[in-house]
Amino acid sequence: MPVSLVYSSVLIAFGDKQMRSLGALPKPVLILEVFGIALLLLSYLSLNGYVSLPAPIGTATAAIVMVFSGIALMIPAAACMVWAMAQNVAPLLTRGAAPKSQSDKTEDKRDDADH
């Protein structure tokens, strides 16, 4: 998927908020995202031998756990983006239907014909 297409879909998803960067996400979500990226980067570097980690976390099993933990920490950011897109694409599904006002009810009765 081209980067411009992803960026434009994110802009469309956030509508009037115009998400120009990841800074539009809530702070806790951003912190989780950073920790997730750091874990993925650390596991990649340790598996390829660029960084030597201490014995307990230097094993291949620990690297696999770091990969899954990193992905799990990045899920809230994806969920926030999907939720924002869902609110713009289908607002009635996420916000609920607006209640009918009293004037609409009287208009319906006045225009109703008993045939």
C-alpha atoms as a PDB file:
ATOM      1  CA  MET A   1       0.000   0.000   0.000  1.00  0.00           C
ATOM      2  CA  PRO A   2       1.569   3.316  -1.002  1.00  0.00           C
ATOM      3  CA  VAL A   3       2.458   5.688   1.805  1.00  0.00           C
ATOM      4  CA  SER A   4       0.502   8.555   0.233  1.00  0.00           C
ATOM      5  CA  LEU A   5      -2.638   6.413   0.176  1.00  0.00           C
ATOM      6  CA  VAL A   6      -2.245   5.523   3.853  1.00  0.00           C
ATOM      7  CA  TYR A   7      -1.577   9.152   4.770  1.00  0.00           C
ATOM      8  CA  SER A   8      -4.586  10.381   2.796  1.00  0.00           C
ATOM      9  CA  SER A   9      -6.834   7.756   4.392  1.00  0.00           C
ATOM     10  CA  VAL A  10      -5.638   8.886   7.835  1.00  0.00           C
ATOM     11  CA  LEU A  11      -6.416  12.489   6.893  1.00  0.00           C
ATOM     12  CA  ILE A  12      -9.868  11.443   5.726  1.00  0.00           C
ATOM     13  CA  ALA A  13     -10.385   9.403   8.893  1.00  0.00           C
ATOM     14  CA  PHE A  14      -9.755  12.294  11.227  1.00  0.00           C
ATOM     15  CA  GLY A  15     -11.846  14.689   9.115  1.00  0.00           C
ATOM     16  CA  ASP A  16     -12.006  18.144  10.619  1.00  0.00           C
ATOM     17  CA  LYS A  17      -9.299  17.279  13.154  1.00  0.00           C
ATOM     18  CA  GLN A  18      -6.880  16.717  10.239  1.00  0.00           C
ATOM     19  CA  MET A  19      -4.434  14.293  11.779  1.00  0.00           C
ATOM     20  CA  ARG A  20      -1.185  15.640  10.406  1.00  0.00           C
ATOM     21  CA  SER A  21       1.069  13.498  12.570  1.00  0.00           C
ATOM     22  CA  LEU A  22       0.985  10.846  15.241  1.00  0.00           C
ATOM     23  CA  GLY A  23       0.856  13.664  17.788  1.00  0.00           C
ATOM     24  CA  ALA A  24      -2.925  13.742  17.381  1.00  0.00           C
ATOM     25  CA  LEU A  25      -3.186  10.442  19.250  1.00  0.00           C
ATOM     26  CA  PRO A  26      -3.651  10.462  23.049  1.00  0.00           C
ATOM     27  CA  LYS A  27      -0.403  10.636  25.062  1.00  0.00           C
ATOM     28  CA  PRO A  28      -0.683   7.171  26.696  1.00  0.00           C
ATOM     29  CA  VAL A  29      -1.249   5.607  23.289  1.00  0.00           C
ATOM     30  CA  LEU A  30       1.813   7.384  21.911  1.00  0.00           C
ATOM     31  CA  ILE A  31       3.936   6.174  24.827  1.00  0.00           C
ATOM     32  CA  LEU A  32       2.789   2.582  24.243  1.00  0.00           C
ATOM     33  CA  GLU A  33       3.572   2.975  20.545  1.00  0.00           C
ATOM     34  CA  VAL A  34       7.118   4.168  21.298  1.00  0.00           C
ATOM     35  CA  PHE A  35       7.736   1.275  23.712  1.00  0.00           C
ATOM     36  CA  GLY A  36       6.417  -1.181  21.138  1.00  0.00           C
ATOM     37  CA  ILE A  37       8.690   0.177  18.412  1.00  0.00           C
ATOM     38  CA  ALA A  38      11.643   0.091  20.818  1.00  0.00           C
ATOM     39  CA  LEU A  39      10.965  -3.571  21.663  1.00  0.00           C
ATOM     40  CA  LEU A  40      10.689  -4.504  17.997  1.00  0.00           C
ATOM     41  CA  LEU A  41      13.908  -2.662  17.191  1.00  0.00           C
ATOM     42  CA  LEU A  42      15.747  -4.247  20.119  1.00  0.00           C
ATOM     43  CA  SER A  43      14.605  -7.735  19.169  1.00  0.00           C
ATOM     44  CA  TYR A  44      15.672  -7.198  15.540  1.00  0.00           C
ATOM     45  CA  LEU A  45      19.091  -5.923  16.556  1.00  0.00           C
ATOM     46  CA  SER A  46      19.653  -8.739  19.045  1.00  0.00           C
ATOM     47  CA  LEU A  47      18.559 -11.480  16.615  1.00  0.00           C
ATOM     48  CA  ASN A  48      20.893 -10.184  13.894  1.00  0.00           C
ATOM     49  CA  GLY A  49      23.829  -9.870  16.278  1.00  0.00           C
ATOM     50  CA  TYR A  50      24.200  -6.087  16.182  1.00  0.00           C
ATOM     51  CA  VAL A  51      23.566  -5.806  19.934  1.00  0.00           C
ATOM     52  CA  SER A  52      24.542  -8.353  22.565  1.00  0.00           C
ATOM     53  CA  LEU A  53      22.066  -8.466  25.415  1.00  0.00           C
ATOM     54  CA  PRO A  54      22.585 -10.008  28.879  1.00  0.00           C
ATOM     55  CA  ALA A  55      21.978 -13.748  29.224  1.00  0.00           C
ATOM     56  CA  PRO A  56      18.314 -13.782  30.357  1.00  0.00           C
ATOM     57  CA  ILE A  57      17.093 -11.546  27.522  1.00  0.00           C
ATOM     58  CA  GLY A  58      19.723 -12.402  24.931  1.00  0.00           C
ATOM     59  CA  THR A  59      18.146 -15.675  23.829  1.00  0.00           C
ATOM     60  CA  ALA A  60      16.038 -16.290  20.743  1.00  0.00           C
ATOM     61  CA  THR A  61      13.016 -17.072  22.928  1.00  0.00           C
ATOM     62  CA  ALA A  62      13.295 -13.697  24.634  1.00  0.00           C
ATOM     63  CA  ALA A  63      13.529 -12.019  21.221  1.00  0.00           C
ATOM     64  CA  ILE A  64      10.318 -13.735  20.123  1.00  0.00           C
ATOM     65  CA  VAL A  65       8.614 -12.578  23.308  1.00  0.00           C
ATOM     66  CA  MET A  66       9.870  -9.041  22.607  1.00  0.00           C
ATOM     67  CA  VAL A  67       8.413  -9.179  19.087  1.00  0.00           C
ATOM     68  CA  PHE A  68       4.981 -10.219  20.311  1.00  0.00           C
ATOM     69  CA  SER A  69       5.094  -7.698  23.166  1.00  0.00           C
ATOM     70  CA  GLY A  70       6.069  -4.935  20.749  1.00  0.00           C
ATOM     71  CA  ILE A  71       3.185  -5.771  18.447  1.00  0.00           C
ATOM     72  CA  ALA A  72       0.771  -5.919  21.388  1.00  0.00           C
ATOM     73  CA  LEU A  73       1.918  -2.482  22.556  1.00  0.00           C
ATOM     74  CA  MET A  74       1.294  -1.024  19.097  1.00  0.00           C
ATOM     75  CA  ILE A  75      -2.299  -2.284  18.840  1.00  0.00           C
ATOM     76  CA  PRO A  76      -3.924   0.613  20.815  1.00  0.00           C
ATOM     77  CA  ALA A  77      -2.647   3.177  18.286  1.00  0.00           C
ATOM     78  CA  ALA A  78      -4.097   1.168  15.426  1.00  0.00           C
ATOM     79  CA  ALA A  79      -7.386   0.843  17.310  1.00  0.00           C
ATOM     80  CA  CYS A  80      -7.541   4.629  17.852  1.00  0.00           C
ATOM     81  CA  MET A  81      -6.980   5.258  14.152  1.00  0.00           C
ATOM     82  CA  VAL A  82      -9.600   2.694  13.134  1.00  0.00           C
ATOM     83  CA  TRP A  83     -12.094   4.153  15.630  1.00  0.00           C
ATOM     84  CA  ALA A  84     -11.549   7.669  14.276  1.00  0.00           C
ATOM     85  CA  MET A  85     -12.027   6.403  10.729  1.00  0.00           C
ATOM     86  CA  ALA A  86     -15.204   4.568  11.723  1.00  0.00           C
ATOM     87  CA  GLN A  87     -16.615   7.727  13.304  1.00  0.00           C
ATOM     88  CA  ASN A  88     -16.156   9.654  10.073  1.00  0.00           C
ATOM     89  CA  VAL A  89     -17.246   6.932   7.684  1.00  0.00           C
ATOM     90  CA  ALA A  90     -20.320   5.786   9.614  1.00  0.00           C
ATOM     91  CA  PRO A  91     -21.235   8.387  12.241  1.00  0.00           C
ATOM     92  CA  LEU A  92     -24.664   6.882  12.904  1.00  0.00           C
ATOM     93  CA  LEU A  93     -23.102   3.568  13.900  1.00  0.00           C
ATOM     94  CA  THR A  94     -20.665   5.065  16.383  1.00  0.00           C
ATOM     95  CA  ARG A  95     -22.556   8.060  17.782  1.00  0.00           C
ATOM     96  CA  GLY A  96     -26.110   6.744  17.602  1.00  0.00           C
ATOM     97  CA  ALA A  97     -29.123   8.322  15.959  1.00  0.00           C
ATOM     98  CA  ALA A  98     -30.111  11.825  16.967  1.00  0.00           C
ATOM     99  CA  PRO A  99     -33.369  11.880  18.948  1.00  0.00           C
ATOM    100  CA  LYS A 100     -36.379  13.401  17.205  1.00  0.00           C
ATOM    101  CA  SER A 101     -37.301  16.818  18.463  1.00  0.00           C
ATOM    102  CA  GLN A 102     -40.813  17.732  19.583  1.00  0.00           C
ATOM    103  CA  SER A 103     -41.407  19.916  16.509  1.00  0.00           C
ATOM    104  CA  ASP A 104     -40.685  16.963  14.207  1.00  0.00           C
ATOM    105  CA  LYS A 105     -43.318  14.870  15.980  1.00  0.00           C
ATOM    106  CA  THR A 106     -46.031  17.506  15.632  1.00  0.00           C
ATOM    107  CA  GLU A 107     -45.114  18.016  11.967  1.00  0.00           C
ATOM    108  CA  ASP A 108     -45.538  14.301  11.336  1.00  0.00           C
ATOM    109  CA  LYS A 109     -48.998  14.321  12.906  1.00  0.00           C
ATOM    110  CA  ARG A 110     -50.078  17.406  10.973  1.00  0.00           C
ATOM    111  CA  ASP A 111     -48.931  16.008   7.626  1.00  0.00           C
ATOM    112  CA  ASP A 112     -50.358  12.554   8.235  1.00  0.00           C
ATOM    113  CA  ALA A 113     -53.354  11.773   6.079  1.00  0.00           C
ATOM    114  CA  ASP A 114     -56.020   9.249   7.056  1.00  0.00           C
ATOM    115  CA  HIS A 115     -57.021   7.717   3.762  1.00  0.00           C
END
